[in-house]
Amino acid sequence: MNKKLLLVDDDIEIVTLLKELLELEGFIIEIAHSGKEALEKFNNSIELILLDVMMPDINGFSVLTELRRKHTVPIILLTAKDNELDKIIGLELGADDYIIKPFNDRELIARIRATLRRKLWDSSLAELSDYSQLNYDIDGLEINIRRQLVFYRKKQIELTSTEFQILLKLLEQQGNIISREVLSKSVLGKEFLPFARSIDVHVSNLRKKLPERKGGLPWIKTLRSRGYQFVINPEQNAKY
């Protein structure tokens, strides 16, 4: 089934060109020309949102904040060229990725597909019974891989698809250090650039959502200049 995207931008010319491009790639496109219209048009049939930051009524950050109160739908921000602050603010508010205007058509399509892959598992892999039953249970933190759900003491923790994939990558290598380069390539689908903060912001958001761990032990440890590590509790091994 074709994926339905919500394209939010007040620039009619850009919207027209993007709609044509994305439809040629097989996507179904819903359009909103303002933040208010975007909030009105969003529903559960939308599988990804392309959201411009600069809009006259309600800016993209406000739309993002409102959506993140209830939804984990993947969101890619369309940001102004070289505006580092917009990128950081957007990621801290829960955006999955960003792309800088003007952008290359192929790069945009690649970012969209990479973000959707983080949301949906490859169907052939998900159908494998031994894989679909794989779960983690660590110090009360339960991760259901097939359904991409996380619970702590039976209470669900709402994670974006990017945050979930980062957590899963760290869990798969728990006790080992995973570099920012590896996380950027395997989760975000792009090369890690020096001084880029995307991965750091996503990990920071993930940390904020995870509850306090028993005994004050951190879930994720930062190793300066080396990467991140899911911390093993020496008193409890992970159950699968």
C-alpha atoms as a PDB file:
ATOM      1  CA  MET A   1       0.000   0.000   0.000  1.00  0.00           C
ATOM      2  CA  ASN A   2       1.289   3.478  -0.869  1.00  0.00           C
ATOM      3  CA  LYS A   3       2.376   5.615   2.067  1.00  0.00           C
ATOM      4  CA  LYS A   4       0.402   8.763   2.824  1.00  0.00           C
ATOM      5  CA  LEU A   5       2.438  11.853   3.675  1.00  0.00           C
ATOM      6  CA  LEU A   6       1.354  15.252   4.966  1.00  0.00           C
ATOM      7  CA  LEU A   7       3.277  18.104   3.322  1.00  0.00           C
ATOM      8  CA  VAL A   8       3.126  21.338   5.320  1.00  0.00           C
ATOM      9  CA  ASP A   9       4.502  24.531   3.735  1.00  0.00           C
ATOM     10  CA  ASP A  10       3.040  27.959   3.006  1.00  0.00           C
ATOM     11  CA  ASP A  11       5.072  28.332  -0.205  1.00  0.00           C
ATOM     12  CA  ILE A  12       2.623  27.270  -2.931  1.00  0.00           C
ATOM     13  CA  GLU A  13       5.329  26.870  -5.581  1.00  0.00           C
ATOM     14  CA  ILE A  14       7.433  24.556  -3.401  1.00  0.00           C
ATOM     15  CA  VAL A  15       4.355  22.544  -2.395  1.00  0.00           C
ATOM     16  CA  THR A  16       3.340  22.075  -6.038  1.00  0.00           C
ATOM     17  CA  LEU A  17       6.798  20.863  -7.053  1.00  0.00           C
ATOM     18  CA  LEU A  18       7.185  18.565  -4.046  1.00  0.00           C
ATOM     19  CA  LYS A  19       3.723  17.076  -4.483  1.00  0.00           C
ATOM     20  CA  GLU A  20       4.537  16.181  -8.085  1.00  0.00           C
ATOM     21  CA  LEU A  21       7.909  14.701  -7.132  1.00  0.00           C
ATOM     22  CA  LEU A  22       6.560  12.633  -4.253  1.00  0.00           C
ATOM     23  CA  GLU A  23       3.591  11.334  -6.209  1.00  0.00           C
ATOM     24  CA  LEU A  24       5.965  10.161  -8.940  1.00  0.00           C
ATOM     25  CA  GLU A  25       7.738   8.188  -6.195  1.00  0.00           C
ATOM     26  CA  GLY A  26       4.465   6.472  -5.308  1.00  0.00           C
ATOM     27  CA  PHE A  27       3.429   8.457  -2.230  1.00  0.00           C
ATOM     28  CA  ILE A  28      -0.049   9.772  -1.539  1.00  0.00           C
ATOM     29  CA  ILE A  29       0.206  13.447  -0.627  1.00  0.00           C
ATOM     30  CA  GLU A  30      -2.032  15.491   1.658  1.00  0.00           C
ATOM     31  CA  ILE A  31      -1.266  19.218   1.693  1.00  0.00           C
ATOM     32  CA  ALA A  32      -1.520  21.877   4.382  1.00  0.00           C
ATOM     33  CA  HIS A  33      -0.494  25.484   3.761  1.00  0.00           C
ATOM     34  CA  SER A  34      -0.398  26.537   7.412  1.00  0.00           C
ATOM     35  CA  GLY A  35       0.301  25.138  10.847  1.00  0.00           C
ATOM     36  CA  LYS A  36      -3.360  25.398  11.799  1.00  0.00           C
ATOM     37  CA  GLU A  37      -4.411  23.488   8.695  1.00  0.00           C
ATOM     38  CA  ALA A  38      -1.773  20.835   9.392  1.00  0.00           C
ATOM     39  CA  LEU A  39      -3.182  20.148  12.861  1.00  0.00           C
ATOM     40  CA  GLU A  40      -6.697  19.990  11.443  1.00  0.00           C
ATOM     41  CA  LYS A  41      -5.749  17.592   8.633  1.00  0.00           C
ATOM     42  CA  PHE A  42      -3.539  15.223  10.610  1.00  0.00           C
ATOM     43  CA  ASN A  43      -5.053  11.791  11.291  1.00  0.00           C
ATOM     44  CA  ASN A  44      -3.826   8.250  11.823  1.00  0.00           C
ATOM     45  CA  SER A  45      -3.674   7.547   8.082  1.00  0.00           C
ATOM     46  CA  ILE A  46      -0.691   9.911   7.800  1.00  0.00           C
ATOM     47  CA  GLU A  47       2.558   7.933   8.001  1.00  0.00           C
ATOM     48  CA  LEU A  48       5.052  10.794   7.805  1.00  0.00           C
ATOM     49  CA  ILE A  49       4.992  14.600   7.924  1.00  0.00           C
ATOM     50  CA  LEU A  50       7.228  16.996   6.005  1.00  0.00           C
ATOM     51  CA  LEU A  51       6.999  20.158   8.075  1.00  0.00           C
ATOM     52  CA  ASP A  52       8.327  23.599   7.189  1.00  0.00           C
ATOM     53  CA  VAL A  53       9.654  25.558  10.170  1.00  0.00           C
ATOM     54  CA  MET A  54       8.860  29.088   8.998  1.00  0.00           C
ATOM     55  CA  MET A  55       5.107  29.648   8.578  1.00  0.00           C
ATOM     56  CA  PRO A  56       3.050  32.789   9.219  1.00  0.00           C
ATOM     57  CA  ASP A  57       0.357  31.580  11.617  1.00  0.00           C
ATOM     58  CA  ILE A  58       1.649  28.691  13.714  1.00  0.00           C
ATOM     59  CA  ASN A  59       5.299  27.891  13.089  1.00  0.00           C
ATOM     60  CA  GLY A  60       6.625  24.401  12.577  1.00  0.00           C
ATOM     61  CA  PHE A  61       8.030  24.133  16.092  1.00  0.00           C
ATOM     62  CA  SER A  62       4.584  24.779  17.608  1.00  0.00           C
ATOM     63  CA  VAL A  63       2.984  22.223  15.284  1.00  0.00           C
ATOM     64  CA  LEU A  64       5.690  19.706  16.194  1.00  0.00           C
ATOM     65  CA  THR A  65       5.197  20.323  19.912  1.00  0.00           C
ATOM     66  CA  GLU A  66       1.431  19.884  19.637  1.00  0.00           C
ATOM     67  CA  LEU A  67       1.722  16.663  17.654  1.00  0.00           C
ATOM     68  CA  ARG A  68       4.310  15.174  19.999  1.00  0.00           C
ATOM     69  CA  ARG A  69       1.919  15.494  22.942  1.00  0.00           C
ATOM     70  CA  LYS A  70      -0.117  12.589  21.583  1.00  0.00           C
ATOM     71  CA  HIS A  71       1.548  11.125  18.498  1.00  0.00           C
ATOM     72  CA  THR A  72       4.815   9.467  17.461  1.00  0.00           C
ATOM     73  CA  VAL A  73       4.297   9.914  13.706  1.00  0.00           C
ATOM     74  CA  PRO A  74       7.674  10.445  11.967  1.00  0.00           C
ATOM     75  CA  ILE A  75       8.338  14.128  11.253  1.00  0.00           C
ATOM     76  CA  ILE A  76      11.021  15.591   8.990  1.00  0.00           C
ATOM     77  CA  LEU A  77      11.602  19.329   9.347  1.00  0.00           C
ATOM     78  CA  LEU A  78      12.301  21.552   6.351  1.00  0.00           C
ATOM     79  CA  THR A  79      14.751  24.132   7.708  1.00  0.00           C
ATOM     80  CA  ALA A  80      16.490  27.254   6.429  1.00  0.00           C
ATOM     81  CA  LYS A  81      20.016  26.872   5.080  1.00  0.00           C
ATOM     82  CA  ASP A  82      22.760  26.754   7.706  1.00  0.00           C
ATOM     83  CA  ASN A  83      20.419  27.588  10.592  1.00  0.00           C
ATOM     84  CA  GLU A  84      21.972  25.311  13.198  1.00  0.00           C
ATOM     85  CA  LEU A  85      19.648  26.520  15.947  1.00  0.00           C
ATOM     86  CA  ASP A  86      16.539  25.427  14.032  1.00  0.00           C
ATOM     87  CA  LYS A  87      17.980  21.940  13.627  1.00  0.00           C
ATOM     88  CA  ILE A  88      18.796  21.543  17.320  1.00  0.00           C
ATOM     89  CA  ILE A  89      15.474  22.964  18.529  1.00  0.00           C
ATOM     90  CA  GLY A  90      13.563  20.733  16.124  1.00  0.00           C
ATOM     91  CA  LEU A  91      15.375  17.585  17.233  1.00  0.00           C
ATOM     92  CA  GLU A  92      14.962  18.465  20.900  1.00  0.00           C
ATOM     93  CA  LEU A  93      11.224  18.887  20.332  1.00  0.00           C
ATOM     94  CA  GLY A  94      11.048  15.387  18.844  1.00  0.00           C
ATOM     95  CA  ALA A  95      11.612  15.686  15.091  1.00  0.00           C
ATOM     96  CA  ASP A  96      13.006  12.513  13.540  1.00  0.00           C
ATOM     97  CA  ASP A  97      15.180  14.289  11.006  1.00  0.00           C
ATOM     98  CA  TYR A  98      15.644  17.542   9.119  1.00  0.00           C
ATOM     99  CA  ILE A  99      16.609  18.563   5.622  1.00  0.00           C
ATOM    100  CA  ILE A 100      17.964  21.937   4.587  1.00  0.00           C
ATOM    101  CA  LYS A 101      16.384  24.095   1.903  1.00  0.00           C
ATOM    102  CA  PRO A 102      17.193  24.129  -0.957  1.00  0.00           C
ATOM    103  CA  PHE A 103      17.614  20.363  -1.051  1.00  0.00           C
ATOM    104  CA  ASN A 104      18.406  17.734  -3.610  1.00  0.00           C
ATOM    105  CA  ASP A 105      15.356  15.729  -4.719  1.00  0.00           C
ATOM    106  CA  ARG A 106      17.168  12.411  -4.316  1.00  0.00           C
ATOM    107  CA  GLU A 107      18.333  13.317  -0.829  1.00  0.00           C
ATOM    108  CA  LEU A 108      14.780  14.175   0.215  1.00  0.00           C
ATOM    109  CA  ILE A 109      13.421  10.865  -1.074  1.00  0.00           C
ATOM    110  CA  ALA A 110      16.262   8.978   0.619  1.00  0.00           C
ATOM    111  CA  ARG A 111      15.567  10.716   3.950  1.00  0.00           C
ATOM    112  CA  ILE A 112      11.845   9.948   3.689  1.00  0.00           C
ATOM    113  CA  ARG A 113      12.421   6.275   2.919  1.00  0.00           C
ATOM    114  CA  ALA A 114      15.040   5.934   5.672  1.00  0.00           C
ATOM    115  CA  THR A 115      12.657   7.483   8.205  1.00  0.00           C
ATOM    116  CA  LEU A 116       9.817   5.209   7.132  1.00  0.00           C
ATOM    117  CA  ARG A 117      12.101   2.180   7.423  1.00  0.00           C
ATOM    118  CA  ARG A 118      12.726   3.108  11.032  1.00  0.00           C
ATOM    119  CA  LYS A 119       8.994   3.079  11.613  1.00  0.00           C
ATOM    120  CA  LEU A 120       8.110  -0.117   9.810  1.00  0.00           C
ATOM    121  CA  TRP A 121      10.063  -3.356   9.929  1.00  0.00           C
ATOM    122  CA  ASP A 122      10.729  -5.225   6.737  1.00  0.00           C
ATOM    123  CA  SER A 123       7.678  -7.506   6.468  1.00  0.00           C
ATOM    124  CA  SER A 124       9.657 -10.642   5.628  1.00  0.00           C
ATOM    125  CA  LEU A 125      11.807 -10.197   8.739  1.00  0.00           C
ATOM    126  CA  ALA A 126       8.876  -9.429  10.996  1.00  0.00           C
ATOM    127  CA  GLU A 127       7.119 -12.627   9.925  1.00  0.00           C
ATOM    128  CA  LEU A 128       9.906 -14.848  11.253  1.00  0.00           C
ATOM    129  CA  SER A 129       8.503 -16.448  14.391  1.00  0.00           C
ATOM    130  CA  ASP A 130      11.794 -16.499  16.288  1.00  0.00           C
ATOM    131  CA  TYR A 131      12.318 -12.807  15.565  1.00  0.00           C
ATOM    132  CA  SER A 132       8.765 -11.671  16.223  1.00  0.00           C
ATOM    133  CA  GLN A 133       8.843 -13.192  19.696  1.00  0.00           C
ATOM    134  CA  LEU A 134      12.078 -11.476  20.700  1.00  0.00           C
ATOM    135  CA  ASN A 135      11.658  -9.130  23.652  1.00  0.00           C
ATOM    136  CA  TYR A 136      13.921  -7.505  26.206  1.00  0.00           C
ATOM    137  CA  ASP A 137      13.125  -7.280  29.915  1.00  0.00           C
ATOM    138  CA  ILE A 138      15.745  -5.360  31.867  1.00  0.00           C
ATOM    139  CA  ASP A 139      15.164  -3.956  35.356  1.00  0.00           C
ATOM    140  CA  GLY A 140      11.458  -3.499  34.657  1.00  0.00           C
ATOM    141  CA  LEU A 141      12.033  -2.014  31.191  1.00  0.00           C
ATOM    142  CA  GLU A 142      10.226  -4.168  28.622  1.00  0.00           C
ATOM    143  CA  ILE A 143      10.848  -3.803  24.899  1.00  0.00           C
ATOM    144  CA  ASN A 144       8.575  -5.501  22.382  1.00  0.00           C
ATOM    145  CA  ILE A 145      10.515  -5.492  19.108  1.00  0.00           C
ATOM    146  CA  ARG A 146       7.749  -6.733  16.812  1.00  0.00           C
ATOM    147  CA  ARG A 147       5.298  -4.051  17.945  1.00  0.00           C
ATOM    148  CA  GLN A 148       7.966  -1.416  18.634  1.00  0.00           C
ATOM    149  CA  LEU A 149       6.592  -0.733  22.100  1.00  0.00           C
ATOM    150  CA  VAL A 150       8.407   0.077  25.332  1.00  0.00           C
ATOM    151  CA  PHE A 151       6.976  -0.302  28.832  1.00  0.00           C
ATOM    152  CA  TYR A 152       8.285   0.331  32.309  1.00  0.00           C
ATOM    153  CA  ARG A 153       6.484  -1.600  35.015  1.00  0.00           C
ATOM    154  CA  LYS A 154       3.583  -2.129  32.592  1.00  0.00           C
ATOM    155  CA  LYS A 155       3.243   1.598  31.791  1.00  0.00           C
ATOM    156  CA  GLN A 156       3.936   2.478  28.149  1.00  0.00           C
ATOM    157  CA  ILE A 157       6.724   4.917  27.267  1.00  0.00           C
ATOM    158  CA  GLU A 158       5.985   6.859  24.085  1.00  0.00           C
ATOM    159  CA  LEU A 159       9.076   6.871  21.860  1.00  0.00           C
ATOM    160  CA  THR A 160       9.467   8.133  18.323  1.00  0.00           C
ATOM    161  CA  SER A 161      10.607   5.557  15.771  1.00  0.00           C
ATOM    162  CA  THR A 162      14.096   7.106  15.807  1.00  0.00           C
ATOM    163  CA  GLU A 163      14.340   6.919  19.599  1.00  0.00           C
ATOM    164  CA  PHE A 164      13.132   3.312  19.538  1.00  0.00           C
ATOM    165  CA  GLN A 165      15.729   2.326  16.944  1.00  0.00           C
ATOM    166  CA  ILE A 166      18.529   3.957  18.935  1.00  0.00           C
ATOM    167  CA  LEU A 167      17.428   2.142  22.080  1.00  0.00           C
ATOM    168  CA  LEU A 168      17.277  -1.143  20.184  1.00  0.00           C
ATOM    169  CA  LYS A 169      20.738  -0.695  18.672  1.00  0.00           C
ATOM    170  CA  LEU A 170      22.183  -0.002  22.113  1.00  0.00           C
ATOM    171  CA  LEU A 171      20.372  -3.010  23.580  1.00  0.00           C
ATOM    172  CA  GLU A 172      21.633  -5.304  20.840  1.00  0.00           C
ATOM    173  CA  GLN A 173      25.176  -4.377  21.822  1.00  0.00           C
ATOM    174  CA  GLN A 174      24.591  -3.808  25.538  1.00  0.00           C
ATOM    175  CA  GLY A 175      27.827  -3.491  27.398  1.00  0.00           C
ATOM    176  CA  ASN A 176      29.653  -2.539  24.209  1.00  0.00           C
ATOM    177  CA  ILE A 177      30.316   0.969  22.971  1.00  0.00           C
ATOM    178  CA  ILE A 178      28.527   2.080  19.805  1.00  0.00           C
ATOM    179  CA  SER A 179      30.055   5.063  18.069  1.00  0.00           C
ATOM    180  CA  ARG A 180      28.073   8.046  16.838  1.00  0.00           C
ATOM    181  CA  GLU A 181      29.217   7.135  13.330  1.00  0.00           C
ATOM    182  CA  VAL A 182      27.617   3.688  13.563  1.00  0.00           C
ATOM    183  CA  LEU A 183      24.395   5.036  15.088  1.00  0.00           C
ATOM    184  CA  SER A 184      24.106   7.764  12.474  1.00  0.00           C
ATOM    185  CA  LYS A 185      24.580   5.317   9.609  1.00  0.00           C
ATOM    186  CA  SER A 186      22.443   2.477  10.969  1.00  0.00           C
ATOM    187  CA  VAL A 187      19.604   4.533  12.478  1.00  0.00           C
ATOM    188  CA  LEU A 188      19.472   7.839  10.596  1.00  0.00           C
ATOM    189  CA  GLY A 189      20.701   6.395   7.322  1.00  0.00           C
ATOM    190  CA  LYS A 190      23.331   9.090   6.785  1.00  0.00           C
ATOM    191  CA  GLU A 191      27.026   9.617   7.323  1.00  0.00           C
ATOM    192  CA  PHE A 192      28.075  11.187  10.602  1.00  0.00           C
ATOM    193  CA  LEU A 193      29.574  14.638  10.172  1.00  0.00           C
ATOM    194  CA  PRO A 194      32.007  16.230  12.637  1.00  0.00           C
ATOM    195  CA  PHE A 195      30.215  18.568  15.053  1.00  0.00           C
ATOM    196  CA  ALA A 196      26.793  17.273  13.969  1.00  0.00           C
ATOM    197  CA  ARG A 197      24.500  16.874  16.977  1.00  0.00           C
ATOM    198  CA  SER A 198      21.562  14.878  15.606  1.00  0.00           C
ATOM    199  CA  ILE A 199      22.441  11.612  17.343  1.00  0.00           C
ATOM    200  CA  ASP A 200      23.338  13.382  20.583  1.00  0.00           C
ATOM    201  CA  VAL A 201      19.980  15.170  20.679  1.00  0.00           C
ATOM    202  CA  HIS A 202      18.031  11.982  19.931  1.00  0.00           C
ATOM    203  CA  VAL A 203      19.895  10.143  22.709  1.00  0.00           C
ATOM    204  CA  SER A 204      19.242  13.055  25.070  1.00  0.00           C
ATOM    205  CA  ASN A 205      15.508  12.895  24.276  1.00  0.00           C
ATOM    206  CA  LEU A 206      15.543   9.132  24.847  1.00  0.00           C
ATOM    207  CA  ARG A 207      17.229   9.563  28.221  1.00  0.00           C
ATOM    208  CA  LYS A 208      14.594  12.073  29.313  1.00  0.00           C
ATOM    209  CA  LYS A 209      11.802   9.613  28.519  1.00  0.00           C
ATOM    210  CA  LEU A 210      13.338   6.611  30.258  1.00  0.00           C
ATOM    211  CA  PRO A 211      12.419   6.370  33.969  1.00  0.00           C
ATOM    212  CA  GLU A 212      14.831   6.456  36.841  1.00  0.00           C
ATOM    213  CA  ARG A 213      16.509   3.073  37.082  1.00  0.00           C
ATOM    214  CA  LYS A 214      16.652   0.995  40.214  1.00  0.00           C
ATOM    215  CA  GLY A 215      19.680   1.809  42.321  1.00  0.00           C
ATOM    216  CA  GLY A 216      20.362   5.011  40.398  1.00  0.00           C
ATOM    217  CA  LEU A 217      22.140   3.107  37.629  1.00  0.00           C
ATOM    218  CA  PRO A 218      21.986   4.943  34.272  1.00  0.00           C
ATOM    219  CA  TRP A 219      20.409   3.241  31.273  1.00  0.00           C
ATOM    220  CA  ILE A 220      22.759   4.840  28.760  1.00  0.00           C
ATOM    221  CA  LYS A 221      26.313   5.980  29.339  1.00  0.00           C
ATOM    222  CA  THR A 222      28.175   8.542  27.226  1.00  0.00           C
ATOM    223  CA  LEU A 223      31.837   7.851  26.585  1.00  0.00           C
ATOM    224  CA  ARG A 224      33.465  11.035  25.420  1.00  0.00           C
ATOM    225  CA  SER A 225      34.738  10.908  21.842  1.00  0.00           C
ATOM    226  CA  ARG A 226      33.819   7.216  21.663  1.00  0.00           C
ATOM    227  CA  GLY A 227      30.035   6.930  21.636  1.00  0.00           C
ATOM    228  CA  TYR A 228      27.277   5.423  23.764  1.00  0.00           C
ATOM    229  CA  GLN A 229      26.781   2.270  25.803  1.00  0.00           C
ATOM    230  CA  PHE A 230      23.718   0.573  27.275  1.00  0.00           C
ATOM    231  CA  VAL A 231      24.721  -0.101  30.858  1.00  0.00           C
ATOM    232  CA  ILE A 232      24.493  -3.673  32.118  1.00  0.00           C
ATOM    233  CA  ASN A 233      23.218  -4.187  35.646  1.00  0.00           C
ATOM    234  CA  PRO A 234      25.674  -6.674  37.193  1.00  0.00           C
ATOM    235  CA  GLU A 235      22.872  -7.960  39.442  1.00  0.00           C
ATOM    236  CA  GLN A 236      20.493  -8.815  36.598  1.00  0.00           C
ATOM    237  CA  ASN A 237      21.039 -10.201  33.131  1.00  0.00           C
ATOM    238  CA  ALA A 238      18.661  -9.205  30.375  1.00  0.00           C
ATOM    239  CA  LYS A 239      15.877 -11.697  29.721  1.00  0.00           C
ATOM    240  CA  TYR A 240      14.707 -12.475  26.189  1.00  0.00           C
END
